[in-house]
Amino acid sequence: MLGLQFPLADADKPRSHGAPNLVCTTFVADALLDAYEKNRESRCLDMAVSAGEYMLNELYWTDGDAVAGFSYPLPLLRARVHNANFLGAALFAGSTSTPASKNSLIPP
């Protein structure tokens, strides 16, 4: 969904300009939810929901019943990067904390 505005090499995995990134997408989606709660502009909520859908449909993965996470730094990698996983999970947990955005990012 959203990526860095510049190319970046992370250890042995180069990332290109604009490549989707869990961390960038999470920060922007969180800011969009804040903007929606303050201004009630539906386009902010729509964009945040779109980011959440991307995270769930493209980045979220499971391995059996015991392991789950978000792909990071690239969509096809299933590395267990705890701070990135907590950041992504916090976005979904936070989306249920206020009436304005309650369940806005949680699928039915």
PDB file of N, CA and C in Angstrom:
ATOM      1  N   MET A   1       0.831  -1.170   0.000  1.00  0.00           N
ATOM      2  CA  MET A   1       0.000   0.000   0.000  1.00  0.00           C
ATOM      3  C   MET A   1       0.881   1.241   0.000  1.00  0.00           C
ATOM      4  N   LEU A   2       1.605   1.477   1.067  1.00  0.00           N
ATOM      5  CA  LEU A   2       2.454   2.656   1.155  1.00  0.00           C
ATOM      6  C   LEU A   2       3.881   2.218   1.413  1.00  0.00           C
ATOM      7  N   GLY A   3       4.814   2.920   0.818  1.00  0.00           N
ATOM      8  CA  GLY A   3       6.207   2.539   0.977  1.00  0.00           C
ATOM      9  C   GLY A   3       7.102   3.742   1.179  1.00  0.00           C
ATOM     10  N   LEU A   4       8.370   3.453   1.274  1.00  0.00           N
ATOM     11  CA  LEU A   4       9.357   4.505   1.466  1.00  0.00           C
ATOM     12  C   LEU A   4       9.498   5.329   0.199  1.00  0.00           C
ATOM     13  N   GLN A   5       9.889   6.566   0.350  1.00  0.00           N
ATOM     14  CA  GLN A   5      10.049   7.465  -0.784  1.00  0.00           C
ATOM     15  C   GLN A   5      11.446   7.388  -1.392  1.00  0.00           C
ATOM     16  N   PHE A   6      12.232   6.405  -0.960  1.00  0.00           N
ATOM     17  CA  PHE A   6      13.595   6.261  -1.461  1.00  0.00           C
ATOM     18  C   PHE A   6      13.971   4.787  -1.409  1.00  0.00           C
ATOM     19  N   PRO A   7      14.916   4.353  -2.257  1.00  0.00           N
ATOM     20  CA  PRO A   7      15.352   2.949  -2.195  1.00  0.00           C
ATOM     21  C   PRO A   7      16.144   2.705  -0.911  1.00  0.00           C
ATOM     22  N   LEU A   8      16.096   1.495  -0.416  1.00  0.00           N
ATOM     23  CA  LEU A   8      16.760   1.177   0.842  1.00  0.00           C
ATOM     24  C   LEU A   8      17.233  -0.261   0.787  1.00  0.00           C
ATOM     25  N   ALA A   9      18.413  -0.530   1.281  1.00  0.00           N
ATOM     26  CA  ALA A   9      18.908  -1.895   1.387  1.00  0.00           C
ATOM     27  C   ALA A   9      18.859  -2.294   2.853  1.00  0.00           C
ATOM     28  N   ASP A  10      18.181  -3.397   3.154  1.00  0.00           N
ATOM     29  CA  ASP A  10      18.048  -3.895   4.508  1.00  0.00           C
ATOM     30  C   ASP A  10      18.782  -5.225   4.572  1.00  0.00           C
ATOM     31  N   ALA A  11      19.953  -5.217   5.144  1.00  0.00           N
ATOM     32  CA  ALA A  11      20.809  -6.389   5.191  1.00  0.00           C
ATOM     33  C   ALA A  11      21.034  -6.891   3.765  1.00  0.00           C
ATOM     34  N   ASP A  12      20.516  -8.055   3.435  1.00  0.00           N
ATOM     35  CA  ASP A  12      20.724  -8.615   2.098  1.00  0.00           C
ATOM     36  C   ASP A  12      19.489  -8.495   1.211  1.00  0.00           C
ATOM     37  N   LYS A  13      18.498  -7.724   1.636  1.00  0.00           N
ATOM     38  CA  LYS A  13      17.254  -7.603   0.884  1.00  0.00           C
ATOM     39  C   LYS A  13      17.017  -6.152   0.478  1.00  0.00           C
ATOM     40  N   PRO A  14      17.397  -5.797  -0.750  1.00  0.00           N
ATOM     41  CA  PRO A  14      17.141  -4.417  -1.173  1.00  0.00           C
ATOM     42  C   PRO A  14      15.650  -4.168  -1.380  1.00  0.00           C
ATOM     43  N   ARG A  15      15.215  -2.971  -1.063  1.00  0.00           N
ATOM     44  CA  ARG A  15      13.821  -2.566  -1.295  1.00  0.00           C
ATOM     45  C   ARG A  15      13.829  -1.387  -2.244  1.00  0.00           C
ATOM     46  N   SER A  16      12.922  -1.405  -3.186  1.00  0.00           N
ATOM     47  CA  SER A  16      12.888  -0.319  -4.144  1.00  0.00           C
ATOM     48  C   SER A  16      11.976   0.809  -3.667  1.00  0.00           C
ATOM     49  N   HIS A  17      12.151   1.946  -4.286  1.00  0.00           N
ATOM     50  CA  HIS A  17      11.335   3.128  -4.017  1.00  0.00           C
ATOM     51  C   HIS A  17       9.856   2.780  -4.172  1.00  0.00           C
ATOM     52  N   GLY A  18       9.048   3.099  -3.182  1.00  0.00           N
ATOM     53  CA  GLY A  18       7.611   2.875  -3.255  1.00  0.00           C
ATOM     54  C   GLY A  18       7.161   1.457  -2.965  1.00  0.00           C
ATOM     55  N   ALA A  19       8.082   0.557  -2.653  1.00  0.00           N
ATOM     56  CA  ALA A  19       7.693  -0.828  -2.351  1.00  0.00           C
ATOM     57  C   ALA A  19       6.802  -0.844  -1.107  1.00  0.00           C
ATOM     58  N   PRO A  20       5.726  -1.628  -1.116  1.00  0.00           N
ATOM     59  CA  PRO A  20       4.835  -1.693   0.053  1.00  0.00           C
ATOM     60  C   PRO A  20       5.612  -2.029   1.319  1.00  0.00           C
ATOM     61  N   ASN A  21       5.181  -1.461   2.416  1.00  0.00           N
ATOM     62  CA  ASN A  21       5.903  -1.601   3.655  1.00  0.00           C
ATOM     63  C   ASN A  21       4.916  -1.566   4.812  1.00  0.00           C
ATOM     64  N   LEU A  22       4.955  -2.563   5.663  1.00  0.00           N
ATOM     65  CA  LEU A  22       4.054  -2.653   6.809  1.00  0.00           C
ATOM     66  C   LEU A  22       4.162  -1.436   7.721  1.00  0.00           C
ATOM     67  N   VAL A  23       5.364  -1.011   8.002  1.00  0.00           N
ATOM     68  CA  VAL A  23       5.558   0.088   8.952  1.00  0.00           C
ATOM     69  C   VAL A  23       4.980   1.390   8.404  1.00  0.00           C
ATOM     70  N   CYS A  24       5.317   1.729   7.165  1.00  0.00           N
ATOM     71  CA  CYS A  24       4.777   2.962   6.567  1.00  0.00           C
ATOM     72  C   CYS A  24       3.258   2.920   6.490  1.00  0.00           C
ATOM     73  N   THR A  25       2.721   1.789   6.045  1.00  0.00           N
ATOM     74  CA  THR A  25       1.269   1.650   5.914  1.00  0.00           C
ATOM     75  C   THR A  25       0.588   1.794   7.270  1.00  0.00           C
ATOM     76  N   THR A  26       1.178   1.213   8.303  1.00  0.00           N
ATOM     77  CA  THR A  26       0.599   1.302   9.647  1.00  0.00           C
ATOM     78  C   THR A  26       0.576   2.739  10.154  1.00  0.00           C
ATOM     79  N   PHE A  27       1.690   3.443  10.009  1.00  0.00           N
ATOM     80  CA  PHE A  27       1.742   4.832  10.477  1.00  0.00           C
ATOM     81  C   PHE A  27       0.719   5.705   9.755  1.00  0.00           C
ATOM     82  N   VAL A  28       0.616   5.534   8.445  1.00  0.00           N
ATOM     83  CA  VAL A  28      -0.323   6.354   7.679  1.00  0.00           C
ATOM     84  C   VAL A  28      -1.762   5.992   8.032  1.00  0.00           C
ATOM     85  N   ALA A  29      -2.076   4.701   8.147  1.00  0.00           N
ATOM     86  CA  ALA A  29      -3.433   4.289   8.504  1.00  0.00           C
ATOM     87  C   ALA A  29      -3.819   4.826   9.875  1.00  0.00           C
ATOM     88  N   ASP A  30      -2.893   4.798  10.814  1.00  0.00           N
ATOM     89  CA  ASP A  30      -3.164   5.328  12.151  1.00  0.00           C
ATOM     90  C   ASP A  30      -3.437   6.832  12.093  1.00  0.00           C
ATOM     91  N   ALA A  31      -2.646   7.551  11.310  1.00  0.00           N
ATOM     92  CA  ALA A  31      -2.865   8.995  11.160  1.00  0.00           C
ATOM     93  C   ALA A  31      -4.214   9.275  10.494  1.00  0.00           C
ATOM     94  N   LEU A  32      -4.585   8.448   9.530  1.00  0.00           N
ATOM     95  CA  LEU A  32      -5.879   8.622   8.864  1.00  0.00           C
ATOM     96  C   LEU A  32      -7.038   8.378   9.832  1.00  0.00           C
ATOM     97  N   LEU A  33      -6.905   7.397  10.718  1.00  0.00           N
ATOM     98  CA  LEU A  33      -7.948   7.171  11.728  1.00  0.00           C
ATOM     99  C   LEU A  33      -8.047   8.365  12.676  1.00  0.00           C
ATOM    100  N   ASP A  34      -6.891   8.910  13.063  1.00  0.00           N
ATOM    101  CA  ASP A  34      -6.904  10.106  13.915  1.00  0.00           C
ATOM    102  C   ASP A  34      -7.596  11.270  13.207  1.00  0.00           C
ATOM    103  N   ALA A  35      -7.288  11.450  11.923  1.00  0.00           N
ATOM    104  CA  ALA A  35      -7.909  12.530  11.155  1.00  0.00           C
ATOM    105  C   ALA A  35      -9.417  12.324  11.053  1.00  0.00           C
ATOM    106  N   TYR A  36      -9.824  11.074  10.861  1.00  0.00           N
ATOM    107  CA  TYR A  36     -11.258  10.786  10.785  1.00  0.00           C
ATOM    108  C   TYR A  36     -11.954  11.100  12.106  1.00  0.00           C
ATOM    109  N   GLU A  37     -11.342  10.691  13.198  1.00  0.00           N
ATOM    110  CA  GLU A  37     -11.942  10.941  14.510  1.00  0.00           C
ATOM    111  C   GLU A  37     -12.058  12.434  14.798  1.00  0.00           C
ATOM    112  N   LYS A  38     -11.129  13.223  14.304  1.00  0.00           N
ATOM    113  CA  LYS A  38     -11.160  14.666  14.548  1.00  0.00           C
ATOM    114  C   LYS A  38     -12.100  15.391  13.588  1.00  0.00           C
ATOM    115  N   ASN A  39     -12.054  15.053  12.307  1.00  0.00           N
ATOM    116  CA  ASN A  39     -12.771  15.821  11.283  1.00  0.00           C
ATOM    117  C   ASN A  39     -13.994  15.125  10.679  1.00  0.00           C
ATOM    118  N   ARG A  40     -14.137  13.837  10.941  1.00  0.00           N
ATOM    119  CA  ARG A  40     -15.257  13.055  10.403  1.00  0.00           C
ATOM    120  C   ARG A  40     -15.321  13.072   8.868  1.00  0.00           C
ATOM    121  N   GLU A  41     -14.165  13.144   8.227  1.00  0.00           N
ATOM    122  CA  GLU A  41     -14.122  13.083   6.771  1.00  0.00           C
ATOM    123  C   GLU A  41     -14.093  11.616   6.364  1.00  0.00           C
ATOM    124  N   SER A  42     -15.118  11.171   5.668  1.00  0.00           N
ATOM    125  CA  SER A  42     -15.240   9.757   5.335  1.00  0.00           C
ATOM    126  C   SER A  42     -14.100   9.260   4.463  1.00  0.00           C
ATOM    127  N   ARG A  43     -13.498  10.130   3.666  1.00  0.00           N
ATOM    128  CA  ARG A  43     -12.395   9.677   2.815  1.00  0.00           C
ATOM    129  C   ARG A  43     -11.198   9.240   3.656  1.00  0.00           C
ATOM    130  N   CYS A  44     -10.998   9.842   4.826  1.00  0.00           N
ATOM    131  CA  CYS A  44      -9.917   9.417   5.716  1.00  0.00           C
ATOM    132  C   CYS A  44     -10.170   8.006   6.218  1.00  0.00           C
ATOM    133  N   LEU A  45     -11.410   7.745   6.625  1.00  0.00           N
ATOM    134  CA  LEU A  45     -11.760   6.407   7.088  1.00  0.00           C
ATOM    135  C   LEU A  45     -11.658   5.400   5.945  1.00  0.00           C
ATOM    136  N   ASP A  46     -12.108   5.769   4.762  1.00  0.00           N
ATOM    137  CA  ASP A  46     -12.027   4.873   3.607  1.00  0.00           C
ATOM    138  C   ASP A  46     -10.585   4.481   3.298  1.00  0.00           C
ATOM    139  N   MET A  47      -9.680   5.438   3.352  1.00  0.00           N
ATOM    140  CA  MET A  47      -8.272   5.141   3.077  1.00  0.00           C
ATOM    141  C   MET A  47      -7.664   4.275   4.177  1.00  0.00           C
ATOM    142  N   ALA A  48      -8.038   4.531   5.428  1.00  0.00           N
ATOM    143  CA  ALA A  48      -7.533   3.717   6.537  1.00  0.00           C
ATOM    144  C   ALA A  48      -8.031   2.281   6.412  1.00  0.00           C
ATOM    145  N   VAL A  49      -9.289   2.120   6.063  1.00  0.00           N
ATOM    146  CA  VAL A  49      -9.856   0.777   5.876  1.00  0.00           C
ATOM    147  C   VAL A  49      -9.154   0.077   4.721  1.00  0.00           C
ATOM    148  N   SER A  50      -8.877   0.799   3.641  1.00  0.00           N
ATOM    149  CA  SER A  50      -8.165   0.219   2.507  1.00  0.00           C
ATOM    150  C   SER A  50      -6.771  -0.267   2.925  1.00  0.00           C
ATOM    151  N   ALA A  51      -6.090   0.521   3.733  1.00  0.00           N
ATOM    152  CA  ALA A  51      -4.773   0.117   4.233  1.00  0.00           C
ATOM    153  C   ALA A  51      -4.893  -1.132   5.103  1.00  0.00           C
ATOM    154  N   GLY A  52      -5.913  -1.167   5.962  1.00  0.00           N
ATOM    155  CA  GLY A  52      -6.136  -2.336   6.810  1.00  0.00           C
ATOM    156  C   GLY A  52      -6.443  -3.581   5.993  1.00  0.00           C
ATOM    157  N   GLU A  53      -7.234  -3.430   4.948  1.00  0.00           N
ATOM    158  CA  GLU A  53      -7.544  -4.566   4.073  1.00  0.00           C
ATOM    159  C   GLU A  53      -6.288  -5.075   3.382  1.00  0.00           C
ATOM    160  N   TYR A  54      -5.441  -4.154   2.937  1.00  0.00           N
ATOM    161  CA  TYR A  54      -4.163  -4.544   2.332  1.00  0.00           C
ATOM    162  C   TYR A  54      -3.328  -5.337   3.335  1.00  0.00           C
ATOM    163  N   MET A  55      -3.250  -4.835   4.555  1.00  0.00           N
ATOM    164  CA  MET A  55      -2.449  -5.526   5.569  1.00  0.00           C
ATOM    165  C   MET A  55      -2.985  -6.921   5.839  1.00  0.00           C
ATOM    166  N   LEU A  56      -4.298  -7.057   5.937  1.00  0.00           N
ATOM    167  CA  LEU A  56      -4.891  -8.371   6.212  1.00  0.00           C
ATOM    168  C   LEU A  56      -4.825  -9.309   5.019  1.00  0.00           C
ATOM    169  N   ASN A  57      -5.050  -8.785   3.820  1.00  0.00           N
ATOM    170  CA  ASN A  57      -5.111  -9.637   2.634  1.00  0.00           C
ATOM    171  C   ASN A  57      -3.747  -9.955   2.043  1.00  0.00           C
ATOM    172  N   GLU A  58      -2.791  -9.049   2.176  1.00  0.00           N
ATOM    173  CA  GLU A  58      -1.494  -9.225   1.525  1.00  0.00           C
ATOM    174  C   GLU A  58      -0.338  -9.477   2.481  1.00  0.00           C
ATOM    175  N   LEU A  59      -0.426  -8.976   3.696  1.00  0.00           N
ATOM    176  CA  LEU A  59       0.713  -9.070   4.617  1.00  0.00           C
ATOM    177  C   LEU A  59       0.502 -10.053   5.760  1.00  0.00           C
ATOM    178  N   TYR A  60      -0.719 -10.270   6.179  1.00  0.00           N
ATOM    179  CA  TYR A  60      -0.990 -11.155   7.319  1.00  0.00           C
ATOM    180  C   TYR A  60      -0.818 -12.610   6.892  1.00  0.00           C
ATOM    181  N   TRP A  61      -0.160 -13.401   7.728  1.00  0.00           N
ATOM    182  CA  TRP A  61       0.048 -14.807   7.424  1.00  0.00           C
ATOM    183  C   TRP A  61      -0.052 -15.642   8.699  1.00  0.00           C
ATOM    184  N   THR A  62      -0.345 -16.902   8.509  1.00  0.00           N
ATOM    185  CA  THR A  62      -0.370 -17.847   9.623  1.00  0.00           C
ATOM    186  C   THR A  62       0.425 -19.086   9.232  1.00  0.00           C
ATOM    187  N   ASP A  63       0.910 -19.772  10.240  1.00  0.00           N
ATOM    188  CA  ASP A  63       1.617 -21.033  10.050  1.00  0.00           C
ATOM    189  C   ASP A  63       1.060 -21.994  11.087  1.00  0.00           C
ATOM    190  N   GLY A  64       0.013 -22.708  10.692  1.00  0.00           N
ATOM    191  CA  GLY A  64      -0.663 -23.573  11.637  1.00  0.00           C
ATOM    192  C   GLY A  64      -1.510 -22.765  12.598  1.00  0.00           C
ATOM    193  N   ASP A  65      -1.763 -23.336  13.763  1.00  0.00           N
ATOM    194  CA  ASP A  65      -2.602 -22.661  14.747  1.00  0.00           C
ATOM    195  C   ASP A  65      -1.803 -21.818  15.740  1.00  0.00           C
ATOM    196  N   ALA A  66      -0.477 -21.950  15.731  1.00  0.00           N
ATOM    197  CA  ALA A  66       0.313 -21.318  16.786  1.00  0.00           C
ATOM    198  C   ALA A  66       1.083 -20.075  16.364  1.00  0.00           C
ATOM    199  N   VAL A  67       1.279 -19.855  15.074  1.00  0.00           N
ATOM    200  CA  VAL A  67       2.133 -18.756  14.639  1.00  0.00           C
ATOM    201  C   VAL A  67       1.392 -17.897  13.625  1.00  0.00           C
ATOM    202  N   ALA A  68       1.484 -16.595  13.796  1.00  0.00           N
ATOM    203  CA  ALA A  68       0.899 -15.647  12.855  1.00  0.00           C
ATOM    204  C   ALA A  68       1.741 -14.385  12.876  1.00  0.00           C
ATOM    205  N   GLY A  69       1.654 -13.611  11.808  1.00  0.00           N
ATOM    206  CA  GLY A  69       2.400 -12.367  11.761  1.00  0.00           C
ATOM    207  C   GLY A  69       2.085 -11.585  10.508  1.00  0.00           C
ATOM    208  N   PHE A  70       2.793 -10.492  10.336  1.00  0.00           N
ATOM    209  CA  PHE A  70       2.687  -9.663   9.144  1.00  0.00           C
ATOM    210  C   PHE A  70       4.015  -9.741   8.399  1.00  0.00           C
ATOM    211  N   SER A  71       3.957  -9.888   7.096  1.00  0.00           N
ATOM    212  CA  SER A  71       5.172  -9.931   6.290  1.00  0.00           C
ATOM    213  C   SER A  71       5.904  -8.602   6.394  1.00  0.00           C
ATOM    214  N   TYR A  72       7.213  -8.694   6.629  1.00  0.00           N
ATOM    215  CA  TYR A  72       8.044  -7.500   6.717  1.00  0.00           C
ATOM    216  C   TYR A  72       9.493  -7.921   6.558  1.00  0.00           C
ATOM    217  N   PRO A  73      10.313  -7.234   5.807  1.00  0.00           N
ATOM    218  CA  PRO A  73      10.087  -5.937   5.199  1.00  0.00           C
ATOM    219  C   PRO A  73       9.413  -6.000   3.830  1.00  0.00           C
ATOM    220  N   LEU A  74       9.371  -7.174   3.230  1.00  0.00           N
ATOM    221  CA  LEU A  74       8.731  -7.318   1.920  1.00  0.00           C
ATOM    222  C   LEU A  74       7.487  -8.177   2.041  1.00  0.00           C
ATOM    223  N   PRO A  75       6.482  -7.951   1.188  1.00  0.00           N
ATOM    224  CA  PRO A  75       5.227  -8.700   1.293  1.00  0.00           C
ATOM    225  C   PRO A  75       5.376 -10.224   1.233  1.00  0.00           C
ATOM    226  N   LEU A  76       6.370 -10.735   0.538  1.00  0.00           N
ATOM    227  CA  LEU A  76       6.502 -12.181   0.403  1.00  0.00           C
ATOM    228  C   LEU A  76       7.343 -12.833   1.492  1.00  0.00           C
ATOM    229  N   LEU A  77       7.952 -12.045   2.364  1.00  0.00           N
ATOM    230  CA  LEU A  77       8.791 -12.589   3.438  1.00  0.00           C
ATOM    231  C   LEU A  77       7.968 -12.833   4.696  1.00  0.00           C
ATOM    232  N   ARG A  78       8.233 -13.953   5.330  1.00  0.00           N
ATOM    233  CA  ARG A  78       7.537 -14.263   6.579  1.00  0.00           C
ATOM    234  C   ARG A  78       8.508 -14.225   7.748  1.00  0.00           C
ATOM    235  N   ALA A  79       9.292 -13.181   7.789  1.00  0.00           N
ATOM    236  CA  ALA A  79      10.236 -13.015   8.888  1.00  0.00           C
ATOM    237  C   ALA A  79       9.468 -12.623  10.141  1.00  0.00           C
ATOM    238  N   ARG A  80       9.928 -13.079  11.280  1.00  0.00           N
ATOM    239  CA  ARG A  80       9.276 -12.739  12.545  1.00  0.00           C
ATOM    240  C   ARG A  80       9.952 -11.509  13.137  1.00  0.00           C
ATOM    241  N   VAL A  81       9.530 -10.356  12.670  1.00  0.00           N
ATOM    242  CA  VAL A  81      10.070  -9.082  13.139  1.00  0.00           C
ATOM    243  C   VAL A  81       9.080  -8.561  14.171  1.00  0.00           C
ATOM    244  N   HIS A  82       9.413  -8.745  15.435  1.00  0.00           N
ATOM    245  CA  HIS A  82       8.451  -8.490  16.503  1.00  0.00           C
ATOM    246  C   HIS A  82       7.972  -7.047  16.567  1.00  0.00           C
ATOM    247  N   ASN A  83       8.879  -6.075  16.420  1.00  0.00           N
ATOM    248  CA  ASN A  83       8.410  -4.694  16.534  1.00  0.00           C
ATOM    249  C   ASN A  83       7.472  -4.336  15.385  1.00  0.00           C
ATOM    250  N   ALA A  84       7.711  -4.849  14.187  1.00  0.00           N
ATOM    251  CA  ALA A  84       6.799  -4.597  13.061  1.00  0.00           C
ATOM    252  C   ALA A  84       5.461  -5.299  13.288  1.00  0.00           C
ATOM    253  N   ASN A  85       5.497  -6.516  13.798  1.00  0.00           N
ATOM    254  CA  ASN A  85       4.256  -7.244  14.085  1.00  0.00           C
ATOM    255  C   ASN A  85       3.434  -6.549  15.161  1.00  0.00           C
ATOM    256  N   PHE A  86       4.089  -6.085  16.208  1.00  0.00           N
ATOM    257  CA  PHE A  86       3.361  -5.365  17.263  1.00  0.00           C
ATOM    258  C   PHE A  86       2.769  -4.063  16.740  1.00  0.00           C
ATOM    259  N   LEU A  87       3.505  -3.390  15.876  1.00  0.00           N
ATOM    260  CA  LEU A  87       3.017  -2.145  15.296  1.00  0.00           C
ATOM    261  C   LEU A  87       1.754  -2.401  14.476  1.00  0.00           C
ATOM    262  N   GLY A  88       1.790  -3.421  13.618  1.00  0.00           N
ATOM    263  CA  GLY A  88       0.617  -3.773  12.818  1.00  0.00           C
ATOM    264  C   GLY A  88      -0.552  -4.209  13.682  1.00  0.00           C
ATOM    265  N   ALA A  89      -0.270  -5.044  14.674  1.00  0.00           N
ATOM    266  CA  ALA A  89      -1.332  -5.515  15.564  1.00  0.00           C
ATOM    267  C   ALA A  89      -1.936  -4.369  16.365  1.00  0.00           C
ATOM    268  N   ALA A  90      -1.104  -3.424  16.779  1.00  0.00           N
ATOM    269  CA  ALA A  90      -1.598  -2.281  17.559  1.00  0.00           C
ATOM    270  C   ALA A  90      -2.571  -1.435  16.745  1.00  0.00           C
ATOM    271  N   LEU A  91      -2.353  -1.341  15.445  1.00  0.00           N
ATOM    272  CA  LEU A  91      -3.287  -0.590  14.611  1.00  0.00           C
ATOM    273  C   LEU A  91      -4.675  -1.207  14.690  1.00  0.00           C
ATOM    274  N   PHE A  92      -4.744  -2.537  14.586  1.00  0.00           N
ATOM    275  CA  PHE A  92      -6.043  -3.198  14.637  1.00  0.00           C
ATOM    276  C   PHE A  92      -6.635  -3.162  16.035  1.00  0.00           C
ATOM    277  N   ALA A  93      -5.804  -3.301  17.053  1.00  0.00           N
ATOM    278  CA  ALA A  93      -6.304  -3.208  18.427  1.00  0.00           C
ATOM    279  C   ALA A  93      -6.807  -1.807  18.720  1.00  0.00           C
ATOM    280  N   GLY A  94      -6.099  -0.797  18.251  1.00  0.00           N
ATOM    281  CA  GLY A  94      -6.492   0.595  18.469  1.00  0.00           C
ATOM    282  C   GLY A  94      -7.748   0.966  17.718  1.00  0.00           C
ATOM    283  N   SER A  95      -8.037   0.269  16.633  1.00  0.00           N
ATOM    284  CA  SER A  95      -9.213   0.620  15.837  1.00  0.00           C
ATOM    285  C   SER A  95     -10.506   0.257  16.548  1.00  0.00           C
ATOM    286  N   THR A  96     -10.401  -0.457  17.657  1.00  0.00           N
ATOM    287  CA  THR A  96     -11.606  -0.810  18.406  1.00  0.00           C
ATOM    288  C   THR A  96     -11.706  -0.034  19.715  1.00  0.00           C
ATOM    289  N   SER A  97     -10.801   0.927  19.930  1.00  0.00           N
ATOM    290  CA  SER A  97     -10.764   1.591  21.232  1.00  0.00           C
ATOM    291  C   SER A  97     -11.681   2.800  21.363  1.00  0.00           C
ATOM    292  N   THR A  98     -12.181   3.329  20.267  1.00  0.00           N
ATOM    293  CA  THR A  98     -13.052   4.485  20.343  1.00  0.00           C
ATOM    294  C   THR A  98     -14.306   4.226  19.532  1.00  0.00           C
ATOM    295  N   PRO A  99     -15.427   4.801  19.928  1.00  0.00           N
ATOM    296  CA  PRO A  99     -16.678   4.575  19.190  1.00  0.00           C
ATOM    297  C   PRO A  99     -16.594   5.013  17.737  1.00  0.00           C
ATOM    298  N   ALA A 100     -15.837   6.088  17.437  1.00  0.00           N
ATOM    299  CA  ALA A 100     -15.790   6.598  16.062  1.00  0.00           C
ATOM    300  C   ALA A 100     -15.190   5.594  15.104  1.00  0.00           C
ATOM    301  N   SER A 101     -14.207   4.836  15.544  1.00  0.00           N
ATOM    302  CA  SER A 101     -13.567   3.907  14.640  1.00  0.00           C
ATOM    303  C   SER A 101     -13.786   2.451  15.039  1.00  0.00           C
ATOM    304  N   LYS A 102     -14.698   2.222  15.961  1.00  0.00           N
ATOM    305  CA  LYS A 102     -14.904   0.868  16.467  1.00  0.00           C
ATOM    306  C   LYS A 102     -15.131  -0.112  15.327  1.00  0.00           C
ATOM    307  N   ASN A 103     -14.294  -1.108  15.294  1.00  0.00           N
ATOM    308  CA  ASN A 103     -14.329  -2.176  14.302  1.00  0.00           C
ATOM    309  C   ASN A 103     -14.115  -1.684  12.875  1.00  0.00           C
ATOM    310  N   SER A 104     -13.622  -0.479  12.686  1.00  0.00           N
ATOM    311  CA  SER A 104     -13.486   0.030  11.335  1.00  0.00           C
ATOM    312  C   SER A 104     -12.451  -0.734  10.516  1.00  0.00           C
ATOM    313  N   LEU A 105     -11.455  -1.315  11.154  1.00  0.00           N
ATOM    314  CA  LEU A 105     -10.446  -2.059  10.414  1.00  0.00           C
ATOM    315  C   LEU A 105     -10.568  -3.563  10.601  1.00  0.00           C
ATOM    316  N   ILE A 106     -11.511  -3.989  11.401  1.00  0.00           N
ATOM    317  CA  ILE A 106     -11.680  -5.408  11.665  1.00  0.00           C
ATOM    318  C   ILE A 106     -12.684  -5.978  10.668  1.00  0.00           C
ATOM    319  N   PRO A 107     -12.311  -7.022   9.927  1.00  0.00           N
ATOM    320  CA  PRO A 107     -13.252  -7.566   8.947  1.00  0.00           C
ATOM    321  C   PRO A 107     -14.436  -8.240   9.630  1.00  0.00           C
ATOM    322  N   PRO A 108     -15.574  -8.313   8.927  1.00  0.00           N
ATOM    323  CA  PRO A 108     -16.776  -8.936   9.525  1.00  0.00           C
ATOM    324  C   PRO A 108     -16.571 -10.423   9.754  1.00  0.00           C
TER     325      PRO A 108
END
